Each structure stands twice: as structure tokens, then as C-alpha cells.
């Protein structure tokens, strides 16, 4: 218990704030339901409708767009979410800095919720019934946690997490696929359509943000091969996924939704040529004690990318993740 309290004290500020908000909002909503003896399936009497988004009530309670991603209806899911925030969330905040982490959280909290609500609206039109707009709750941290797995893959794809003294382990590179396979099944068994949508949409929109929009200096996104969309899938389907994603990418560039590869490379060249001010703070790619790890990035890295900083950031993140988990080895293959 003492070690848990000590760890909580060392958490970065944004992680503490999000954990506190999720705890207060979730427990408060559970308490309201308990005191009113209301059934969450009946939206007309459910007090949670004031904080948890139901697509049919969004115009009546627009603030639910901001609160719903922090509210879990189950104590078990709340505890799980808080554990992930305390470990993975704090790791991401240390790597990206508080501002970058807050931007990422904002994207994961709002964008998947809007998209999932639109998906429910389309479903109601197809079914010819408005009931699904009111019976479906788009709520919980499922979208945020799905996005966390994408962030981990970007930062430390080759790290191997070892559990039960090394008896069981998995690569971070495989974590997004595992999460998006298992948790939709879990939410389906729970009858939670909102959770199923949030997991899949949160995964995809987190990838789009990190791949094309997240700013690092003058560079937006991460176009490295190690973070290509096809790498999230098993090898036997990667050629098909690669062809589809290339077609979608070309269409997005043509519509000027994202920058072209040439524009991305120009931003990399500009960032590489920019002088570093002697008083400038180090980039938010990891604690200062990992700065010496830059020397271990070798030319035979499996990540073939034109961004010279991409491998360095991954190596720094891998070392930081290894020290956080306390495994004693890098675990990278």
C-alpha cells in the first residue's frame, strides 16, 4: 500500500488531474443511480443522462461531450482505467510533456465520441427507429485506452513486457491488435454498443492523429515505416492493408486533408537545420537521465525512416518504459 501511495505522489500533473476527475465523475454517477434506484437502461429516469452522452440527448445536454469519456458505469472498469492511466498515461505524459499529452487526451476524449454518436445516428436511420439514439450510451474510457495502445506502439514497438517473472510476455507492437480484438468482444457480451464503437474508433483516430497531426518541433506526425497502418495487422494481410491505406492516403493528400510526403520531408529537413538555443529545454521525449541513450541508436535499426529523430525517440521511450516497469532489461528484440 505504501508503494502505491508513493507512486501516486510521483505521477505527473495531467495524469493526476484526469484520474481525479474520472474517479469523482464515475463514483458520483454510480452514487446518483444507487440513491435514485434508477435503471441505466431507462434513459427517461436515469440521472446519468446529465453526464453520460446519449446521442439522442446531445443537443439537450451538450456538456456530456466533455464529461462522458471520463465516466465508467462499472467499478471494475473504473479501477482498470485508473490503473492504465497511472502506468501508461503517466509514461506518455513524461515522453510527450504535459501539453502534448493533454492535446492527445483531448483528441481521444472528444473525436471518438463524436464519431461514435454519428455511427449510432446512421444505425438508427438504417433501422428506421430512434430508440437506439436514446438507449445507447457512448461513455467510458475505452476510446482513450485504445489510443494509449497506439501511443505505446509508436514510442516503443519492440519492447517486450514480461509478466509473472518472465513466464508470460508480449510485445508492445502487438498490444493494439490484442486490445481491439478482445475488448469489443467483452463490450458485446456486456451489451455495450458504445464501448464497441469507442474501442475501434479511438484506435483509428489515435493513429491518424499521431501519424499525421501531432507536432514535434516543426514536424507534424510520424511517417516512419515502423508506424505504418499495415504494421498493426498480421503479416499475411499486410500487403492488402498496405494497398488500401495507400489509396486512402493518396485521396487524403489530394483533398489537402494531410500534407504530402514531400511536405513532410521538407519539415524534417527544416527541423534538422534549425539551431538549438543553448538555454532551450530538452524535447519532451523522456527524462534527462536517458539522454545518453542517443548513442545506442545504430544504423541497422529495423525502423527505416527519413526522420533521424524517430529512432532516437523510440530508443529513449523504450529505456524509460523498461525502467518504469522495473524489469531490468530493455526487452527489445
Protein backbone atom coordinates (compact mmCIF):
# COMPACT_ATOMS: atom_id res chain seq x y z
CA UNK A 1 0.00 0.00 0.00
CA UNK A 2 2.81 2.37 0.87
CA UNK A 3 4.43 1.77 -2.53
CA UNK A 4 1.15 2.58 -4.28
CA UNK A 5 0.82 5.86 -2.39
CA UNK A 6 4.44 6.70 -3.15
CA UNK A 7 3.86 6.01 -6.84
CA UNK A 8 0.74 8.20 -6.87
CA UNK A 9 2.75 11.10 -5.47
CA UNK A 10 5.23 10.88 -8.34
CA UNK A 11 2.59 10.96 -11.08
CA UNK A 12 2.79 13.93 -13.48
CA UNK A 13 0.15 16.68 -13.08
CA UNK A 14 -2.16 15.96 -16.02
CA UNK A 15 -2.36 12.27 -15.14
CA UNK A 16 -3.29 13.10 -11.55
CA UNK A 17 -5.96 15.54 -12.71
CA UNK A 18 -7.52 13.07 -15.17
CA UNK A 19 -7.52 10.26 -12.60
CA UNK A 20 -9.17 12.54 -10.02
CA UNK A 21 -11.81 13.72 -12.50
CA UNK A 22 -12.58 10.16 -13.64
CA UNK A 23 -12.91 8.96 -10.04
CA UNK A 24 -15.19 11.81 -8.96
CA UNK A 25 -17.43 11.71 -12.04
CA UNK A 26 -17.70 7.91 -12.17
CA UNK A 27 -18.34 7.37 -8.46
CA UNK A 28 -20.68 10.35 -8.37
CA UNK A 29 -22.74 8.94 -11.24
CA UNK A 30 -22.85 5.50 -9.61
CA UNK A 31 -24.00 7.09 -6.35
CA UNK A 32 -26.75 9.05 -8.09
CA UNK A 33 -28.04 5.87 -9.71
CA UNK A 34 -27.91 3.99 -6.43
CA UNK A 35 -29.77 6.67 -4.49
CA UNK A 36 -32.45 7.09 -7.14
CA UNK A 37 -32.75 3.33 -7.69
CA UNK A 38 -32.80 4.11 -11.40
CA UNK A 39 -32.02 1.68 -14.19
CA UNK A 40 -29.39 2.98 -16.61
CA UNK A 41 -31.25 1.27 -19.47
CA UNK A 42 -34.22 3.61 -18.94
CA UNK A 43 -32.99 6.97 -20.20
CA UNK A 44 -36.10 8.82 -19.00
CA UNK A 45 -35.29 8.20 -15.33
CA UNK A 46 -31.53 7.63 -15.43
CA UNK A 47 -29.73 10.51 -13.65
CA UNK A 48 -26.59 9.59 -15.56
CA UNK A 49 -28.05 11.17 -18.69
CA UNK A 50 -26.86 14.54 -17.38
CA UNK A 51 -23.21 13.44 -17.55
CA UNK A 52 -23.05 10.42 -19.89
CA UNK A 53 -23.70 11.03 -23.56
CA UNK A 54 -26.69 9.53 -25.29
CA UNK A 55 -26.73 10.63 -28.96
CA UNK A 56 -30.44 11.45 -28.88
CA UNK A 57 -29.92 13.81 -25.92
CA UNK A 58 -26.72 15.51 -27.08
CA UNK A 59 -28.44 18.73 -28.09
CA UNK A 60 -30.23 18.87 -24.73
CA UNK A 61 -27.07 18.17 -22.70
CA UNK A 62 -24.13 19.27 -24.91
CA UNK A 63 -21.67 19.28 -21.98
CA UNK A 64 -21.83 15.48 -21.91
CA UNK A 65 -19.45 15.59 -24.87
CA UNK A 66 -16.75 16.69 -22.42
CA UNK A 67 -17.65 14.55 -19.40
CA UNK A 68 -18.73 11.22 -20.89
CA UNK A 69 -15.23 9.89 -21.71
CA UNK A 70 -14.25 10.04 -18.03
CA UNK A 71 -17.25 8.16 -16.64
CA UNK A 72 -17.36 4.41 -16.19
CA UNK A 73 -20.57 2.71 -15.12
CA UNK A 74 -18.74 -0.24 -13.59
CA UNK A 75 -16.38 -0.21 -10.60
CA UNK A 76 -14.26 -2.90 -12.27
CA UNK A 77 -13.84 -0.87 -15.47
CA UNK A 78 -13.10 2.24 -13.41
CA UNK A 79 -10.33 0.51 -11.47
CA UNK A 80 -8.90 -0.88 -14.70
CA UNK A 81 -8.98 2.55 -16.33
CA UNK A 82 -7.29 4.22 -13.36
CA UNK A 83 -4.52 1.60 -13.38
CA UNK A 84 -3.86 2.21 -17.08
CA UNK A 85 -3.87 5.98 -16.56
CA UNK A 86 -1.40 5.66 -13.67
CA UNK A 87 1.01 3.50 -15.67
CA UNK A 88 0.65 4.07 -19.40
CA UNK A 89 -0.84 7.56 -19.11
CA UNK A 90 1.93 8.82 -16.87
CA UNK A 91 4.52 7.26 -19.19
CA UNK A 92 3.05 9.03 -22.22
CA UNK A 93 2.95 12.33 -20.33
CA UNK A 94 6.61 12.00 -19.40
CA UNK A 95 7.53 11.26 -23.00
CA UNK A 96 5.46 13.96 -24.70
CA UNK A 97 5.33 16.57 -21.99
CA UNK A 98 2.16 17.74 -20.26
CA UNK A 99 0.99 19.92 -23.14
CA UNK A 100 1.41 17.20 -25.78
CA UNK A 101 -0.27 14.66 -23.52
CA UNK A 102 -3.24 16.95 -22.84
CA UNK A 103 -3.69 17.55 -26.58
CA UNK A 104 -3.66 13.80 -27.16
CA UNK A 105 -6.19 13.23 -24.38
CA UNK A 106 -8.40 15.95 -25.82
CA UNK A 107 -8.42 14.28 -29.21
CA UNK A 108 -9.17 10.86 -27.69
CA UNK A 109 -11.88 12.18 -25.38
CA UNK A 110 -13.86 14.18 -27.95
CA UNK A 111 -13.23 12.95 -31.51
CA UNK A 112 -14.18 9.26 -30.98
CA UNK A 113 -17.25 10.31 -29.01
CA UNK A 114 -18.49 12.49 -31.87
CA UNK A 115 -17.75 9.81 -34.46
CA UNK A 116 -19.42 7.09 -32.38
CA UNK A 117 -22.51 9.29 -31.96
CA UNK A 118 -22.67 9.76 -35.72
CA UNK A 119 -22.35 5.99 -36.16
CA UNK A 120 -25.30 5.46 -33.81
CA UNK A 121 -27.28 8.07 -35.76
CA UNK A 122 -26.60 6.22 -39.01
CA UNK A 123 -27.61 2.94 -37.35
CA UNK A 124 -30.89 4.47 -36.23
CA UNK A 125 -31.60 5.66 -39.79
CA UNK A 126 -30.83 2.20 -41.21
CA UNK A 127 -33.06 0.53 -38.60
CA UNK A 128 -35.77 3.14 -39.08
CA UNK A 129 -36.08 3.61 -35.33
CA UNK A 130 -34.90 6.35 -33.00
CA UNK A 131 -34.79 4.07 -29.94
CA UNK A 132 -31.10 3.29 -30.40
CA UNK A 133 -30.29 7.01 -30.13
CA UNK A 134 -31.56 7.05 -26.55
CA UNK A 135 -30.78 3.51 -25.38
CA UNK A 136 -27.10 3.66 -26.41
CA UNK A 137 -24.63 5.30 -24.01
CA UNK A 138 -21.39 6.47 -25.61
CA UNK A 139 -19.44 6.62 -22.38
CA UNK A 140 -16.29 5.41 -20.70
CA UNK A 141 -12.54 5.45 -21.21
CA UNK A 142 -12.50 2.70 -23.85
CA UNK A 143 -11.56 5.09 -26.66
CA UNK A 144 -8.87 6.78 -24.60
CA UNK A 145 -7.31 3.48 -23.55
CA UNK A 146 -7.38 2.19 -27.13
CA UNK A 147 -5.48 5.31 -28.14
CA UNK A 148 -2.93 4.67 -25.41
CA UNK A 149 -2.02 1.34 -27.02
CA UNK A 150 -1.32 3.19 -30.28
CA UNK A 151 0.86 5.70 -28.44
CA UNK A 152 2.84 2.89 -26.82
CA UNK A 153 3.38 1.20 -30.18
CA UNK A 154 4.68 4.43 -31.65
CA UNK A 155 7.14 5.03 -28.82
CA UNK A 156 8.40 1.52 -28.04
CA UNK A 157 7.17 -1.02 -30.61
CA UNK A 158 9.87 -3.63 -29.97
CA UNK A 159 9.65 -3.61 -26.19
CA UNK A 160 8.60 -6.92 -24.63
CA UNK A 161 6.51 -6.75 -21.47
CA UNK A 162 7.27 -9.72 -19.22
CA UNK A 163 4.77 -10.83 -16.59
CA UNK A 164 4.83 -13.45 -13.84
CA UNK A 165 8.64 -13.44 -13.65
CA UNK A 166 9.02 -13.90 -17.37
CA UNK A 167 6.59 -16.81 -17.70
CA UNK A 168 4.34 -14.74 -19.95
CA UNK A 169 5.23 -11.85 -22.21
CA UNK A 170 4.03 -9.86 -25.19
CA UNK A 171 5.45 -7.22 -27.49
CA UNK A 172 4.08 -3.70 -27.29
CA UNK A 173 3.81 -3.86 -31.08
CA UNK A 174 1.02 -6.46 -30.68
CA UNK A 175 -0.88 -4.61 -27.95
CA UNK A 176 -3.21 -2.51 -30.18
CA UNK A 177 -4.32 -5.60 -32.11
CA UNK A 178 -4.96 -7.52 -28.90
CA UNK A 179 -6.93 -4.67 -27.36
CA UNK A 180 -9.10 -4.04 -30.43
CA UNK A 181 -9.79 -7.77 -30.73
CA UNK A 182 -10.59 -8.66 -27.12
CA UNK A 183 -12.38 -5.61 -25.74
CA UNK A 184 -15.04 -5.30 -28.47
CA UNK A 185 -15.95 -8.90 -27.63
CA UNK A 186 -16.12 -8.03 -23.93
CA UNK A 187 -18.33 -5.00 -24.59
CA UNK A 188 -20.53 -7.01 -26.95
CA UNK A 189 -21.11 -9.60 -24.21
CA UNK A 190 -21.97 -6.71 -21.87
CA UNK A 191 -24.44 -5.35 -24.42
CA UNK A 192 -22.47 -2.10 -24.63
CA UNK A 193 -22.61 -0.85 -28.23
CA UNK A 194 -20.99 2.43 -27.22
CA UNK A 195 -17.95 0.62 -25.84
CA UNK A 196 -17.52 -1.41 -29.03
CA UNK A 197 -17.59 1.76 -31.13
CA UNK A 198 -15.24 3.69 -28.86
CA UNK A 199 -12.55 0.99 -28.89
CA UNK A 200 -12.37 0.76 -32.67
CA UNK A 201 -12.84 4.45 -33.41
CA UNK A 202 -10.45 5.51 -30.64
CA UNK A 203 -7.77 3.19 -32.06
CA UNK A 204 -8.14 4.55 -35.60
CA UNK A 205 -8.37 8.23 -34.70
CA UNK A 206 -5.40 7.98 -32.33
CA UNK A 207 -3.38 6.54 -35.22
CA UNK A 208 -4.47 9.30 -37.59
CA UNK A 209 -3.55 12.00 -35.07
CA UNK A 210 -0.13 10.53 -34.23
CA UNK A 211 0.65 9.62 -37.83
CA UNK A 212 -0.29 12.92 -39.46
CA UNK A 213 -1.03 15.72 -37.00
CA UNK A 214 0.85 15.52 -33.69
CA UNK A 215 3.52 18.21 -33.76
CA UNK A 216 7.14 17.54 -32.81
CA UNK A 217 9.04 20.78 -33.38
CA UNK A 218 8.20 21.83 -36.96
CA UNK A 219 7.29 18.27 -37.97
CA UNK A 220 3.72 17.02 -37.90
CA UNK A 221 3.16 13.31 -37.44
CA UNK A 222 5.33 10.23 -37.74
CA UNK A 223 5.59 8.79 -41.27
CA UNK A 224 8.14 6.10 -40.38
CA UNK A 225 7.64 2.60 -41.75
CA UNK A 226 7.57 1.16 -38.22
CA UNK A 227 4.38 3.14 -37.59
CA UNK A 228 2.62 2.45 -40.89
CA UNK A 229 -1.03 1.43 -40.61
CA UNK A 230 -0.33 -2.00 -42.09
CA UNK A 231 2.03 -2.83 -39.19
CA UNK A 232 -0.98 -3.03 -36.85
CA UNK A 233 -2.15 -6.17 -38.66
CA UNK A 234 -0.79 -9.73 -39.03
CA UNK A 235 1.88 -10.10 -41.69
CA UNK A 236 -0.24 -12.24 -44.03
CA UNK A 237 -2.79 -9.41 -44.52
CA UNK A 238 -0.32 -6.51 -44.54
CA UNK A 239 0.04 -6.36 -48.36
CA UNK A 240 -3.73 -5.94 -48.75
CA UNK A 241 -3.94 -3.38 -45.94
CA UNK A 242 -0.98 -1.51 -47.44
CA UNK A 243 -2.68 -1.17 -50.83
CA UNK A 244 -5.92 0.04 -49.25
CA UNK A 245 -4.19 2.51 -46.90
CA UNK A 246 -2.06 3.85 -49.78
CA UNK A 247 -5.19 4.57 -51.80
CA UNK A 248 -6.84 6.31 -48.84
CA UNK A 249 -3.64 8.28 -48.18
CA UNK A 250 -3.45 9.46 -51.80
CA UNK A 251 -7.06 10.59 -51.65
CA UNK A 252 -6.46 12.46 -48.39
CA UNK A 253 -3.42 14.24 -49.86
CA UNK A 254 -5.40 15.16 -52.97
CA UNK A 255 -8.13 16.65 -50.77
CA UNK A 256 -5.43 18.50 -48.78
CA UNK A 257 -6.57 16.86 -45.55
CA UNK A 258 -2.97 15.88 -44.79
CA UNK A 259 0.40 17.03 -46.12
CA UNK A 260 2.18 15.13 -48.84
CA UNK A 261 5.33 13.08 -48.29
CA UNK A 262 7.35 15.89 -49.89
CA UNK A 263 5.95 18.44 -47.44
CA UNK A 264 6.68 16.11 -44.54
CA UNK A 265 10.28 15.63 -45.67
CA UNK A 266 10.73 19.39 -46.03
CA UNK A 267 9.55 19.82 -42.42
CA UNK A 268 12.08 17.20 -41.29
CA UNK A 269 14.89 18.96 -43.16
CA UNK A 270 13.85 22.30 -41.63
CA UNK A 271 13.80 20.81 -38.13
CA UNK A 272 17.23 19.22 -38.64
CA UNK A 273 18.69 22.53 -39.83
CA UNK A 274 17.20 24.60 -37.02
CA UNK A 275 19.85 25.70 -34.49
CA UNK A 276 19.36 24.64 -30.89
CA UNK A 277 19.36 27.50 -28.39
CA UNK A 278 21.81 26.82 -25.57
CA UNK A 279 19.17 27.68 -22.96
CA UNK A 280 16.40 25.68 -24.63
CA UNK A 281 14.70 22.96 -22.66
CA UNK A 282 15.17 19.39 -23.87
CA UNK A 283 12.45 17.95 -26.06
CA UNK A 284 9.72 16.03 -24.27
CA UNK A 285 10.96 12.65 -25.35
CA UNK A 286 11.92 11.31 -21.98
CA UNK A 287 13.63 12.19 -18.71
CA UNK A 288 17.05 13.79 -18.81
CA UNK A 289 18.74 10.70 -17.45
CA UNK A 290 18.01 8.91 -20.73
CA UNK A 291 19.74 11.48 -22.91
CA UNK A 292 22.86 9.35 -23.21
CA UNK A 293 20.82 6.65 -24.92
CA UNK A 294 21.11 8.52 -28.22
CA UNK A 295 24.40 6.75 -28.80
CA UNK A 296 22.80 3.30 -28.89
CA UNK A 297 20.67 4.06 -31.97
CA UNK A 298 22.50 2.13 -34.66
CA UNK A 299 22.28 2.18 -38.45
CA UNK A 300 20.85 -1.35 -38.56
CA UNK A 301 17.67 -0.35 -36.72
CA UNK A 302 14.59 -2.17 -38.02
CA UNK A 303 12.89 1.21 -38.39
CA UNK A 304 13.80 2.56 -41.85
CA UNK A 305 12.78 6.21 -41.73
CA UNK A 306 13.99 9.50 -43.12
CA UNK A 307 13.41 11.23 -39.79
CA UNK A 308 16.73 10.98 -37.90
CA UNK A 309 14.98 11.72 -34.58
CA UNK A 310 12.37 8.96 -34.83
CA UNK A 311 14.70 6.13 -33.83
CA UNK A 312 16.19 8.22 -31.03
CA UNK A 313 12.76 8.95 -29.57
CA UNK A 314 11.84 5.27 -29.71
CA UNK A 315 15.08 4.25 -28.03
CA UNK A 316 14.57 6.82 -25.28
CA UNK A 317 11.00 5.69 -24.76
CA UNK A 318 11.99 2.03 -24.67
CA UNK A 319 14.56 2.73 -21.96
CA UNK A 320 12.07 4.83 -19.98
CA UNK A 321 9.41 2.12 -20.24
CA UNK A 322 11.88 -0.53 -19.13
CA UNK A 323 12.86 1.47 -16.04
CA UNK A 324 9.20 2.23 -15.24
CA UNK A 325 8.25 -1.44 -15.34
CA UNK A 326 11.39 -2.33 -13.42
CA UNK A 327 12.16 -5.39 -15.49
CA UNK A 328 15.85 -4.76 -15.51
CA UNK A 329 16.31 -5.35 -19.21
CA UNK A 330 15.25 -3.44 -22.27
CA UNK A 331 13.19 -6.31 -23.55
CA UNK A 332 13.63 -5.11 -27.12
CA UNK A 333 14.22 -7.67 -29.79
